[in-house]
Amino acid sequence: PLAISLLTEATDLDPGFAAGWAALAQAHTLMIYYETVDRDEGLKTAERMALKALEIDPENAAAHSALGDVYRDRYEWMKARQSYLRALELNPDDVEANEQFAQMLWRTSHFEEALEYSSRAVELDPLSWLNLTVHAVLRYATGDRRGGWNDMARGMSIGGGENFFALRHKINMAVSDGKIEEA
């Protein structure tokens, strides 16, 4: 909520601030995972803000990525894919676009392709427990169990151990390996 408040203030002060609108759109897409908000309303708000950013700057990679998040969370997979690929065409180093696209590909069982984007996200931001958790699961799912466990351990040590998302996936990996006590 603080980020949304500050970004709203920024876009109120400068309605032509495309990057502000894009960041605000992304904040709203993430709110549905971290706060108790109406999912559909949050996605509508995010979509409106991402489109506002693109109206100002059609080549704003972050706005395309946020739009990808909206479509992904509406299960409009092809539209999401197009938005993420456009974001990455404009800025291949966009950590969030790489990470969120990897998560979409993971959800649709495209594990090998997801691993490529997840690898890039970890390369760009190696201290993100979220990036490491997603990467760990994808490595594990594609047969690199040892690498998956190594990434999981790194992610847990830098903050993931306090997050349900990371813990849930560590438990799933442990159960898959038959490590019931560890799970």
Protein backbone atom coordinates (compact mmCIF):
# COMPACT_ATOMS: atom_id res chain seq x y z
CA PRO A 1 0.00 0.00 0.00
CA LEU A 2 2.81 2.52 0.64
CA ALA A 3 4.20 1.96 -2.85
CA ILE A 4 0.75 2.44 -4.35
CA SER A 5 0.23 5.59 -2.33
CA LEU A 6 3.57 7.08 -3.41
CA LEU A 7 3.14 6.06 -7.04
CA THR A 8 -0.38 7.48 -7.09
CA GLU A 9 0.99 10.75 -5.75
CA ALA A 10 3.70 10.73 -8.44
CA THR A 11 1.21 10.15 -11.27
CA ASP A 12 -1.13 12.80 -9.81
CA LEU A 13 1.76 15.28 -9.86
CA ASP A 14 2.81 14.27 -13.37
CA PRO A 15 0.04 12.54 -15.35
CA GLY A 16 2.48 12.12 -18.25
CA PHE A 17 4.88 9.98 -16.17
CA ALA A 18 4.70 6.70 -18.11
CA ALA A 19 7.18 4.89 -15.84
CA GLY A 20 5.08 5.87 -12.83
CA TRP A 21 1.91 4.50 -14.41
CA ALA A 22 3.73 1.28 -15.34
CA ALA A 23 5.09 0.85 -11.81
CA LEU A 24 1.64 1.54 -10.38
CA ALA A 25 0.15 -1.08 -12.71
CA GLN A 26 2.71 -3.62 -11.59
CA ALA A 27 2.08 -2.81 -7.92
CA HIS A 28 -1.61 -3.51 -8.45
CA THR A 29 -0.90 -6.83 -10.19
CA LEU A 30 1.22 -7.93 -7.24
CA MET A 31 -1.28 -6.77 -4.62
CA ILE A 32 -3.54 -9.72 -5.40
CA TYR A 33 -0.78 -12.00 -4.08
CA TYR A 34 0.18 -10.07 -0.97
CA GLU A 35 -2.92 -8.28 0.28
CA THR A 36 -6.60 -9.05 0.71
CA VAL A 37 -8.01 -7.24 -2.31
CA ASP A 38 -10.66 -8.00 -4.88
CA ARG A 39 -8.74 -9.87 -7.59
CA ASP A 40 -10.86 -8.76 -10.54
CA GLU A 41 -10.86 -5.12 -9.42
CA GLY A 42 -7.11 -5.22 -8.86
CA LEU A 43 -6.53 -6.61 -12.35
CA LYS A 44 -8.89 -4.06 -13.92
CA THR A 45 -7.05 -1.25 -12.16
CA ALA A 46 -3.68 -2.63 -13.21
CA GLU A 47 -4.81 -3.01 -16.81
CA ARG A 48 -6.11 0.56 -16.92
CA MET A 49 -2.83 1.89 -15.55
CA ALA A 50 -0.66 -0.20 -17.86
CA LEU A 51 -2.67 1.00 -20.86
CA LYS A 52 -2.30 4.60 -19.64
CA ALA A 53 1.47 4.10 -19.52
CA LEU A 54 1.44 2.66 -23.04
CA GLU A 55 -0.71 5.52 -24.30
CA ILE A 56 2.04 7.88 -23.10
CA ASP A 57 4.95 5.65 -24.15
CA PRO A 58 4.12 2.65 -26.37
CA GLU A 59 7.64 1.31 -25.84
CA ASN A 60 7.55 1.17 -22.06
CA ALA A 61 8.75 -2.36 -21.29
CA ALA A 62 7.48 -2.32 -17.70
CA ALA A 63 3.96 -1.47 -18.87
CA HIS A 64 4.00 -4.37 -21.33
CA SER A 65 5.22 -6.66 -18.54
CA ALA A 66 2.46 -5.47 -16.17
CA LEU A 67 -0.08 -6.09 -18.91
CA GLY A 68 1.38 -9.58 -19.24
CA ASP A 69 0.75 -10.09 -15.51
CA VAL A 70 -2.87 -9.01 -15.95
CA TYR A 71 -3.45 -11.38 -18.85
CA ARG A 72 -1.63 -14.22 -17.11
CA ASP A 73 -3.76 -13.85 -14.01
CA ARG A 74 -6.87 -13.88 -16.21
CA TYR A 75 -5.58 -17.06 -17.87
CA GLU A 76 -5.32 -15.34 -21.24
CA TRP A 77 -2.09 -17.14 -21.96
CA MET A 78 -1.45 -16.05 -25.56
CA LYS A 79 -2.06 -12.37 -24.80
CA ALA A 80 0.19 -12.66 -21.75
CA ARG A 81 2.92 -14.31 -23.81
CA GLN A 82 2.76 -11.54 -26.42
CA SER A 83 2.97 -8.85 -23.74
CA TYR A 84 5.93 -10.45 -21.99
CA LEU A 85 7.79 -11.03 -25.24
CA ARG A 86 7.21 -7.41 -26.25
CA ALA A 87 8.51 -6.24 -22.86
CA LEU A 88 11.60 -8.40 -23.26
CA GLU A 89 12.11 -7.26 -26.84
CA LEU A 90 12.18 -3.68 -25.54
CA ASN A 91 14.30 -4.49 -22.49
CA PRO A 92 15.87 -7.95 -22.26
CA ASP A 93 17.29 -6.97 -18.85
CA ASP A 94 13.91 -6.34 -17.24
CA VAL A 95 14.12 -8.60 -14.19
CA GLU A 96 10.39 -8.52 -13.48
CA ALA A 97 9.43 -9.38 -17.07
CA ASN A 98 11.86 -12.32 -17.10
CA GLU A 99 10.64 -13.57 -13.71
CA GLN A 100 6.91 -13.16 -14.32
CA PHE A 101 7.14 -14.70 -17.79
CA ALA A 102 9.01 -17.65 -16.27
CA GLN A 103 6.20 -18.06 -13.74
CA MET A 104 3.58 -17.99 -16.51
CA LEU A 105 5.48 -20.61 -18.51
CA TRP A 106 5.82 -22.71 -15.35
CA ARG A 107 2.06 -22.53 -14.77
CA THR A 108 1.45 -23.73 -18.32
CA SER A 109 3.97 -26.61 -17.97
CA HIS A 110 6.57 -25.17 -20.32
CA PHE A 111 9.33 -25.92 -17.83
CA GLU A 112 12.37 -25.85 -20.13
CA GLU A 113 11.39 -22.50 -21.64
CA ALA A 114 10.51 -21.16 -18.19
CA LEU A 115 13.97 -22.15 -16.97
CA GLU A 116 15.59 -19.92 -19.61
CA TYR A 117 13.75 -16.83 -18.38
CA SER A 118 14.15 -17.78 -14.74
CA SER A 119 17.90 -18.20 -15.28
CA ARG A 120 18.05 -14.70 -16.71
CA ALA A 121 16.09 -13.27 -13.77
CA VAL A 122 18.51 -14.90 -11.30
CA GLU A 123 21.48 -13.67 -13.32
CA LEU A 124 20.09 -10.12 -13.20
CA ASP A 125 19.06 -10.24 -9.54
CA PRO A 126 20.89 -13.05 -7.72
CA LEU A 127 19.78 -11.84 -4.27
CA SER A 128 16.05 -12.25 -4.83
CA TRP A 129 14.67 -15.13 -2.78
CA LEU A 130 11.65 -15.20 -5.11
CA ASN A 131 13.77 -15.53 -8.24
CA LEU A 132 15.84 -18.25 -6.58
CA THR A 133 12.74 -20.14 -5.42
CA VAL A 134 11.20 -20.18 -8.89
CA HIS A 135 14.55 -21.13 -10.40
CA ALA A 136 14.99 -23.91 -7.83
CA VAL A 137 11.63 -25.46 -8.65
CA LEU A 138 12.23 -25.21 -12.39
CA ARG A 139 15.69 -26.77 -12.13
CA TYR A 140 14.25 -29.51 -9.96
CA ALA A 141 11.33 -30.11 -12.36
CA THR A 142 13.63 -30.34 -15.37
CA GLY A 143 15.85 -32.97 -13.77
CA ASP A 144 18.55 -30.90 -12.06
CA ARG A 145 17.53 -31.84 -8.53
CA ARG A 146 20.86 -30.98 -6.96
CA GLY A 147 20.85 -27.54 -8.59
CA GLY A 148 17.26 -27.06 -7.50
CA TRP A 149 18.13 -27.85 -3.90
CA ASN A 150 21.17 -25.54 -4.04
CA ASP A 151 19.05 -22.66 -5.32
CA MET A 152 16.36 -23.40 -2.74
CA ALA A 153 18.93 -23.27 0.05
CA ARG A 154 20.29 -19.94 -1.21
CA GLY A 155 16.78 -18.50 -1.54
CA MET A 156 15.78 -19.66 1.93
CA SER A 157 18.93 -18.19 3.46
CA ILE A 158 18.28 -14.71 2.05
CA GLY A 159 14.67 -14.34 3.09
CA GLY A 160 12.58 -17.05 1.52
CA GLY A 161 12.46 -19.03 4.75
CA GLU A 162 9.97 -16.54 6.10
CA ASN A 163 7.67 -16.72 3.07
CA PHE A 164 4.89 -19.23 2.49
CA PHE A 165 5.57 -19.36 -1.28
CA ALA A 166 9.16 -20.52 -0.76
CA LEU A 167 8.29 -22.85 2.10
CA ARG A 168 5.48 -24.48 0.14
CA HIS A 169 7.79 -25.27 -2.76
CA LYS A 170 10.57 -26.52 -0.51
CA ILE A 171 8.04 -28.87 1.11
CA ASN A 172 6.86 -30.06 -2.33
CA MET A 173 10.44 -30.81 -3.37
CA ALA A 174 11.10 -32.69 -0.11
CA VAL A 175 7.93 -34.77 -0.53
CA SER A 176 8.91 -35.56 -4.14
CA ASP A 177 12.25 -36.80 -2.88
CA GLY A 178 10.56 -38.89 -0.18
CA LYS A 179 12.06 -36.70 2.60
CA ILE A 180 8.91 -36.70 4.68
CA GLU A 181 10.59 -35.68 7.95
CA GLU A 182 12.25 -32.71 6.26
CA ALA A 183 8.94 -31.76 4.67
